[in-house]
Amino acid sequence: MFSLILFLTTFVIVFFIYLLFVIRRKKYLDKFIKGKEIAYLKKIYKIKIKESEYRGLAMLVALTNSFIIAISVTIVSLFKNIFLEILVGFGTVMALILICYHIIGKLYQKNGGR
């Protein structure tokens, strides 16, 4: 039960931070679209992003990043050894980033961002 509460709390906090400080502000949204996550999707999956799709893509990336962070925190909290926490946390984050961004890239390739 603790793990579920930790996951949900972490997810909601991280997502609301993204929502308040990135997605709702035009200036930071433009910086976010020019950031590493979107550059990775553009380069690897050769997707084209229209300006009208910025908020939707930013929302999807914010949800994905919140999910990645929440899962990682939940899994790391199961271990008591600091070195094991670091190793498992790093492995979990890297694996989830590759898997989740692959899914986003394929969705945008297939549906054109819709």
C-alpha atoms as a PDB file:
ATOM      1  CA  MET A   1       0.000   0.000   0.000  1.00  0.00           C
ATOM      2  CA  PHE A   2       2.895   2.332   0.808  1.00  0.00           C
ATOM      3  CA  SER A   3       4.361   1.800  -2.675  1.00  0.00           C
ATOM      4  CA  LEU A   4       1.084   2.733  -4.372  1.00  0.00           C
ATOM      5  CA  ILE A   5       0.717   5.897  -2.292  1.00  0.00           C
ATOM      6  CA  LEU A   6       4.350   6.817  -2.956  1.00  0.00           C
ATOM      7  CA  PHE A   7       3.876   6.250  -6.707  1.00  0.00           C
ATOM      8  CA  LEU A   8       0.686   8.323  -6.910  1.00  0.00           C
ATOM      9  CA  THR A   9       2.063  11.135  -4.762  1.00  0.00           C
ATOM     10  CA  THR A  10       5.286  11.376  -6.747  1.00  0.00           C
ATOM     11  CA  PHE A  11       3.442  11.220 -10.065  1.00  0.00           C
ATOM     12  CA  VAL A  12       0.985  13.964  -9.137  1.00  0.00           C
ATOM     13  CA  ILE A  13       3.633  16.288  -7.676  1.00  0.00           C
ATOM     14  CA  VAL A  14       5.981  15.978 -10.666  1.00  0.00           C
ATOM     15  CA  PHE A  15       3.146  16.348 -13.181  1.00  0.00           C
ATOM     16  CA  PHE A  16       1.763  19.473 -11.507  1.00  0.00           C
ATOM     17  CA  ILE A  17       5.225  21.022 -11.460  1.00  0.00           C
ATOM     18  CA  TYR A  18       5.479  20.399 -15.214  1.00  0.00           C
ATOM     19  CA  LEU A  19       1.971  21.740 -15.711  1.00  0.00           C
ATOM     20  CA  LEU A  20       2.466  24.918 -13.701  1.00  0.00           C
ATOM     21  CA  PHE A  21       5.974  25.849 -14.733  1.00  0.00           C
ATOM     22  CA  VAL A  22       6.299  24.536 -18.299  1.00  0.00           C
ATOM     23  CA  ILE A  23       3.065  23.802 -20.123  1.00  0.00           C
ATOM     24  CA  ARG A  24       1.064  26.829 -19.005  1.00  0.00           C
ATOM     25  CA  ARG A  25       3.826  29.352 -19.754  1.00  0.00           C
ATOM     26  CA  LYS A  26       4.497  30.139 -23.401  1.00  0.00           C
ATOM     27  CA  LYS A  27       8.121  31.178 -22.844  1.00  0.00           C
ATOM     28  CA  TYR A  28       9.036  27.958 -21.035  1.00  0.00           C
ATOM     29  CA  LEU A  29       6.971  25.842 -23.416  1.00  0.00           C
ATOM     30  CA  ASP A  30       9.066  27.125 -26.324  1.00  0.00           C
ATOM     31  CA  LYS A  31      12.261  26.280 -24.410  1.00  0.00           C
ATOM     32  CA  PHE A  32      10.855  22.853 -23.579  1.00  0.00           C
ATOM     33  CA  ILE A  33      10.074  22.131 -27.241  1.00  0.00           C
ATOM     34  CA  LYS A  34      13.668  23.027 -28.131  1.00  0.00           C
ATOM     35  CA  GLY A  35      14.969  20.803 -25.319  1.00  0.00           C
ATOM     36  CA  LYS A  36      16.679  17.422 -25.309  1.00  0.00           C
ATOM     37  CA  GLU A  37      13.571  15.232 -25.137  1.00  0.00           C
ATOM     38  CA  ILE A  38      11.951  16.706 -28.228  1.00  0.00           C
ATOM     39  CA  ALA A  39      15.284  16.888 -30.070  1.00  0.00           C
ATOM     40  CA  TYR A  40      15.731  13.163 -29.404  1.00  0.00           C
ATOM     41  CA  LEU A  41      12.286  12.391 -30.822  1.00  0.00           C
ATOM     42  CA  LYS A  42      12.904  14.557 -33.889  1.00  0.00           C
ATOM     43  CA  LYS A  43      16.319  13.074 -34.593  1.00  0.00           C
ATOM     44  CA  ILE A  44      15.704   9.387 -33.942  1.00  0.00           C
ATOM     45  CA  TYR A  45      12.115   9.050 -35.141  1.00  0.00           C
ATOM     46  CA  LYS A  46      12.189  11.792 -37.803  1.00  0.00           C
ATOM     47  CA  ILE A  47       8.947  13.366 -36.620  1.00  0.00           C
ATOM     48  CA  LYS A  48       7.758  16.801 -37.631  1.00  0.00           C
ATOM     49  CA  ILE A  49       6.017  18.861 -34.978  1.00  0.00           C
ATOM     50  CA  LYS A  50       3.679  21.676 -35.899  1.00  0.00           C
ATOM     51  CA  GLU A  51       3.366  24.660 -33.611  1.00  0.00           C
ATOM     52  CA  SER A  52      -0.273  23.769 -32.961  1.00  0.00           C
ATOM     53  CA  GLU A  53       0.861  20.409 -31.517  1.00  0.00           C
ATOM     54  CA  TYR A  54       3.336  21.850 -28.984  1.00  0.00           C
ATOM     55  CA  ARG A  55       1.024  21.745 -25.975  1.00  0.00           C
ATOM     56  CA  GLY A  56      -0.184  18.215 -26.704  1.00  0.00           C
ATOM     57  CA  LEU A  57       3.346  16.905 -27.119  1.00  0.00           C
ATOM     58  CA  ALA A  58       4.512  18.767 -24.011  1.00  0.00           C
ATOM     59  CA  MET A  59       1.610  17.269 -22.049  1.00  0.00           C
ATOM     60  CA  LEU A  60       2.493  13.763 -23.281  1.00  0.00           C
ATOM     61  CA  VAL A  61       6.176  14.213 -22.435  1.00  0.00           C
ATOM     62  CA  ALA A  62       5.254  15.642 -19.011  1.00  0.00           C
ATOM     63  CA  LEU A  63       3.050  12.623 -18.294  1.00  0.00           C
ATOM     64  CA  THR A  64       5.800  10.300 -19.474  1.00  0.00           C
ATOM     65  CA  ASN A  65       8.490  11.999 -17.395  1.00  0.00           C
ATOM     66  CA  SER A  66       6.213  11.961 -14.356  1.00  0.00           C
ATOM     67  CA  PHE A  67       5.616   8.246 -14.878  1.00  0.00           C
ATOM     68  CA  ILE A  68       9.344   7.548 -15.245  1.00  0.00           C
ATOM     69  CA  ILE A  69      10.225   9.463 -12.095  1.00  0.00           C
ATOM     70  CA  ALA A  70       7.369   7.952 -10.060  1.00  0.00           C
ATOM     71  CA  ILE A  71       8.210   4.374 -11.083  1.00  0.00           C
ATOM     72  CA  SER A  72      11.901   4.941 -10.363  1.00  0.00           C
ATOM     73  CA  VAL A  73      11.241   6.411  -6.920  1.00  0.00           C
ATOM     74  CA  THR A  74       8.869   3.566  -6.076  1.00  0.00           C
ATOM     75  CA  ILE A  75      11.320   0.852  -7.141  1.00  0.00           C
ATOM     76  CA  VAL A  76      14.289   2.493  -5.414  1.00  0.00           C
ATOM     77  CA  SER A  77      12.308   2.812  -2.172  1.00  0.00           C
ATOM     78  CA  LEU A  78      12.145  -0.985  -1.967  1.00  0.00           C
ATOM     79  CA  PHE A  79      15.907  -1.263  -1.348  1.00  0.00           C
ATOM     80  CA  LYS A  80      17.798  -0.372   1.809  1.00  0.00           C
ATOM     81  CA  ASN A  81      21.383  -0.365   0.514  1.00  0.00           C
ATOM     82  CA  ILE A  82      22.439   3.027  -0.915  1.00  0.00           C
ATOM     83  CA  PHE A  83      24.707   1.520  -3.578  1.00  0.00           C
ATOM     84  CA  LEU A  84      21.991  -0.855  -4.709  1.00  0.00           C
ATOM     85  CA  GLU A  85      19.513   2.034  -4.795  1.00  0.00           C
ATOM     86  CA  ILE A  86      21.845   4.033  -7.051  1.00  0.00           C
ATOM     87  CA  LEU A  87      22.457   1.121  -9.418  1.00  0.00           C
ATOM     88  CA  VAL A  88      18.826   0.062  -9.623  1.00  0.00           C
ATOM     89  CA  GLY A  89      17.656   3.668  -9.916  1.00  0.00           C
ATOM     90  CA  PHE A  90      20.054   4.431 -12.767  1.00  0.00           C
ATOM     91  CA  GLY A  91      19.147   1.232 -14.599  1.00  0.00           C
ATOM     92  CA  THR A  92      15.440   1.791 -14.120  1.00  0.00           C
ATOM     93  CA  VAL A  93      15.562   5.392 -15.322  1.00  0.00           C
ATOM     94  CA  MET A  94      17.598   4.544 -18.413  1.00  0.00           C
ATOM     95  CA  ALA A  95      15.402   1.581 -19.353  1.00  0.00           C
ATOM     96  CA  LEU A  96      12.172   3.524 -18.823  1.00  0.00           C
ATOM     97  CA  ILE A  97      13.426   6.515 -20.811  1.00  0.00           C
ATOM     98  CA  LEU A  98      14.337   4.334 -23.775  1.00  0.00           C
ATOM     99  CA  ILE A  99      11.088   2.357 -23.653  1.00  0.00           C
ATOM    100  CA  CYS A 100       8.721   5.286 -23.067  1.00  0.00           C
ATOM    101  CA  TYR A 101      10.310   7.596 -25.615  1.00  0.00           C
ATOM    102  CA  HIS A 102      10.336   4.760 -28.150  1.00  0.00           C
ATOM    103  CA  ILE A 103       6.580   4.394 -27.645  1.00  0.00           C
ATOM    104  CA  ILE A 104       6.040   8.158 -28.037  1.00  0.00           C
ATOM    105  CA  GLY A 105       8.213   8.247 -31.165  1.00  0.00           C
ATOM    106  CA  LYS A 106       6.354   5.350 -32.777  1.00  0.00           C
ATOM    107  CA  LEU A 107       2.975   6.876 -31.903  1.00  0.00           C
ATOM    108  CA  TYR A 108       3.947  10.178 -33.481  1.00  0.00           C
ATOM    109  CA  GLN A 109       5.346   8.423 -36.554  1.00  0.00           C
ATOM    110  CA  LYS A 110       2.193   6.381 -36.986  1.00  0.00           C
ATOM    111  CA  ASN A 111      -0.450   9.010 -36.161  1.00  0.00           C
ATOM    112  CA  GLY A 112       1.337  12.195 -37.100  1.00  0.00           C
ATOM    113  CA  GLY A 113       0.886  13.588 -33.586  1.00  0.00           C
ATOM    114  CA  ARG A 114      -2.838  12.959 -33.261  1.00  0.00           C
END
